[in-house]
Amino acid sequence: MHKSISLVFIILGAVSAPSIALAHNIVINCHKIQKYSHSQVHFGLSMIGNRVAHSEKNYLHEKYHHLSQSCQSNHAAKIHVKASPQLVSMMSEYGFLD
């Protein structure tokens, strides 16, 4: 369960830039997302659903799906995403941020 939640914050570092007042840039690469199964990602998203807006959760899922597909043909694929201060705090809480 802890691993699932950590992954969500990897991908979940992604929220729509227009909806964030003070966004932090985070890079997510194939190496990070390939540590987790799709079911772990979905479980993690459901666990944080009450702490982030529904639109943010959907956006994070879309970002994960896009990168996951890109990684199948390009193992060096990565995306740059924006994370709200709340998500950065959650990522730190679950040990994702160094």
C-alpha atoms as a PDB file:
ATOM      1  CA  MET A   1       0.000   0.000   0.000  1.00  0.00           C
ATOM      2  CA  HIS A   2       2.793   2.460   0.866  1.00  0.00           C
ATOM      3  CA  LYS A   3       4.445   1.687  -2.489  1.00  0.00           C
ATOM      4  CA  SER A   4       1.183   2.389  -4.338  1.00  0.00           C
ATOM      5  CA  ILE A   5       0.739   5.713  -2.638  1.00  0.00           C
ATOM      6  CA  SER A   6       4.348   6.653  -3.349  1.00  0.00           C
ATOM      7  CA  LEU A   7       3.832   6.001  -7.048  1.00  0.00           C
ATOM      8  CA  VAL A   8       0.768   8.119  -7.111  1.00  0.00           C
ATOM      9  CA  PHE A   9       2.907  10.961  -5.892  1.00  0.00           C
ATOM     10  CA  ILE A  10       5.412  10.279  -8.600  1.00  0.00           C
ATOM     11  CA  ILE A  11       2.749  10.627 -11.199  1.00  0.00           C
ATOM     12  CA  LEU A  12       0.689  12.635  -8.950  1.00  0.00           C
ATOM     13  CA  GLY A  13       3.154  15.264  -9.020  1.00  0.00           C
ATOM     14  CA  ALA A  14       1.101  16.263 -11.991  1.00  0.00           C
ATOM     15  CA  VAL A  15      -1.726  18.744 -11.780  1.00  0.00           C
ATOM     16  CA  SER A  16      -2.970  21.196 -14.324  1.00  0.00           C
ATOM     17  CA  ALA A  17      -0.778  24.264 -14.372  1.00  0.00           C
ATOM     18  CA  PRO A  18      -3.592  26.799 -14.755  1.00  0.00           C
ATOM     19  CA  SER A  19      -5.183  25.580 -11.520  1.00  0.00           C
ATOM     20  CA  ILE A  20      -2.040  25.969  -9.423  1.00  0.00           C
ATOM     21  CA  ALA A  21      -1.065  29.234  -7.825  1.00  0.00           C
ATOM     22  CA  LEU A  22       2.449  28.220  -6.743  1.00  0.00           C
ATOM     23  CA  ALA A  23       3.463  25.216  -8.826  1.00  0.00           C
ATOM     24  CA  HIS A  24       6.632  23.188  -8.531  1.00  0.00           C
ATOM     25  CA  ASN A  25       8.176  21.538 -11.592  1.00  0.00           C
ATOM     26  CA  ILE A  26       8.743  17.793 -11.361  1.00  0.00           C
ATOM     27  CA  VAL A  27      10.231  15.452 -13.954  1.00  0.00           C
ATOM     28  CA  ILE A  28       8.754  11.964 -14.171  1.00  0.00           C
ATOM     29  CA  ASN A  29      10.598   9.333 -16.194  1.00  0.00           C
ATOM     30  CA  CYS A  30      10.054   5.731 -17.266  1.00  0.00           C
ATOM     31  CA  HIS A  31      12.324   4.365 -14.556  1.00  0.00           C
ATOM     32  CA  LYS A  32      10.081   5.847 -11.876  1.00  0.00           C
ATOM     33  CA  ILE A  33       6.754   4.640 -13.220  1.00  0.00           C
ATOM     34  CA  GLN A  34       7.899   1.161 -14.251  1.00  0.00           C
ATOM     35  CA  LYS A  35       8.387   0.281 -10.581  1.00  0.00           C
ATOM     36  CA  TYR A  36       4.608   0.071 -10.154  1.00  0.00           C
ATOM     37  CA  SER A  37       1.733  -1.877 -11.705  1.00  0.00           C
ATOM     38  CA  HIS A  38      -1.330  -0.196 -13.169  1.00  0.00           C
ATOM     39  CA  SER A  39      -3.424  -1.547 -10.289  1.00  0.00           C
ATOM     40  CA  GLN A  40      -1.031   0.016  -7.759  1.00  0.00           C
ATOM     41  CA  VAL A  41      -1.409   3.366  -9.510  1.00  0.00           C
ATOM     42  CA  HIS A  42      -5.204   3.157  -9.497  1.00  0.00           C
ATOM     43  CA  PHE A  43      -5.221   2.139  -5.839  1.00  0.00           C
ATOM     44  CA  GLY A  44      -2.961   5.044  -4.937  1.00  0.00           C
ATOM     45  CA  LEU A  45      -5.138   7.490  -6.860  1.00  0.00           C
ATOM     46  CA  SER A  46      -8.195   6.292  -4.986  1.00  0.00           C
ATOM     47  CA  MET A  47      -6.373   6.716  -1.662  1.00  0.00           C
ATOM     48  CA  ILE A  48      -5.599  10.375  -2.284  1.00  0.00           C
ATOM     49  CA  GLY A  49      -8.923  11.182  -3.913  1.00  0.00           C
ATOM     50  CA  ASN A  50     -10.234  12.947  -0.834  1.00  0.00           C
ATOM     51  CA  ARG A  51      -7.116  15.131  -0.530  1.00  0.00           C
ATOM     52  CA  VAL A  52      -6.954  16.568  -4.057  1.00  0.00           C
ATOM     53  CA  ALA A  53      -9.564  17.937  -6.454  1.00  0.00           C
ATOM     54  CA  HIS A  54     -11.290  15.455  -8.767  1.00  0.00           C
ATOM     55  CA  SER A  55      -9.920  17.336 -11.791  1.00  0.00           C
ATOM     56  CA  GLU A  56      -6.366  17.014 -10.425  1.00  0.00           C
ATOM     57  CA  LYS A  57      -6.807  13.296  -9.892  1.00  0.00           C
ATOM     58  CA  ASN A  58      -8.066  12.863 -13.468  1.00  0.00           C
ATOM     59  CA  TYR A  59      -5.202  14.948 -14.827  1.00  0.00           C
ATOM     60  CA  LEU A  60      -2.689  12.820 -12.938  1.00  0.00           C
ATOM     61  CA  HIS A  61      -4.188   9.658 -14.349  1.00  0.00           C
ATOM     62  CA  GLU A  62      -3.975  11.057 -17.883  1.00  0.00           C
ATOM     63  CA  LYS A  63      -0.306  12.007 -17.379  1.00  0.00           C
ATOM     64  CA  TYR A  64       0.500   8.537 -16.049  1.00  0.00           C
ATOM     65  CA  HIS A  65      -1.289   6.853 -18.963  1.00  0.00           C
ATOM     66  CA  HIS A  66       0.487   9.017 -21.550  1.00  0.00           C
ATOM     67  CA  LEU A  67       3.946   8.411 -20.083  1.00  0.00           C
ATOM     68  CA  SER A  68       3.268   4.708 -19.623  1.00  0.00           C
ATOM     69  CA  GLN A  69       2.467   4.380 -23.326  1.00  0.00           C
ATOM     70  CA  SER A  70       5.479   6.467 -24.349  1.00  0.00           C
ATOM     71  CA  CYS A  71       7.781   4.286 -22.252  1.00  0.00           C
ATOM     72  CA  GLN A  72       6.807   1.191 -24.244  1.00  0.00           C
ATOM     73  CA  SER A  73       8.657   2.500 -27.293  1.00  0.00           C
ATOM     74  CA  ASN A  74      11.090   4.970 -25.728  1.00  0.00           C
ATOM     75  CA  HIS A  75      12.665   3.990 -22.406  1.00  0.00           C
ATOM     76  CA  ALA A  76      14.150   7.474 -22.084  1.00  0.00           C
ATOM     77  CA  ALA A  77      10.738   9.165 -22.209  1.00  0.00           C
ATOM     78  CA  LYS A  78       9.945  11.694 -19.538  1.00  0.00           C
ATOM     79  CA  ILE A  79       7.437  14.387 -18.831  1.00  0.00           C
ATOM     80  CA  HIS A  80       7.596  17.670 -16.994  1.00  0.00           C
ATOM     81  CA  VAL A  81       4.618  18.290 -14.764  1.00  0.00           C
ATOM     82  CA  LYS A  82       3.476  20.878 -12.269  1.00  0.00           C
ATOM     83  CA  ALA A  83       2.797  19.926  -8.656  1.00  0.00           C
ATOM     84  CA  SER A  84       0.748  22.018  -6.291  1.00  0.00           C
ATOM     85  CA  PRO A  85       2.237  22.817  -2.901  1.00  0.00           C
ATOM     86  CA  GLN A  86      -0.264  20.357  -1.386  1.00  0.00           C
ATOM     87  CA  LEU A  87       0.942  17.524  -3.644  1.00  0.00           C
ATOM     88  CA  VAL A  88       4.580  18.372  -2.992  1.00  0.00           C
ATOM     89  CA  SER A  89       3.830  18.102   0.713  1.00  0.00           C
ATOM     90  CA  MET A  90       2.104  14.751   0.195  1.00  0.00           C
ATOM     91  CA  MET A  91       4.998  13.484  -1.931  1.00  0.00           C
ATOM     92  CA  SER A  92       7.416  14.449   0.791  1.00  0.00           C
ATOM     93  CA  GLU A  93       5.216  12.826   3.433  1.00  0.00           C
ATOM     94  CA  TYR A  94       5.291   9.508   1.565  1.00  0.00           C
ATOM     95  CA  GLY A  95       9.021   9.627   0.912  1.00  0.00           C
ATOM     96  CA  PHE A  96       9.074  10.359  -2.800  1.00  0.00           C
ATOM     97  CA  LEU A  97      11.048  13.593  -2.704  1.00  0.00           C
ATOM     98  CA  ASP A  98      14.754  13.340  -1.961  1.00  0.00           C
END
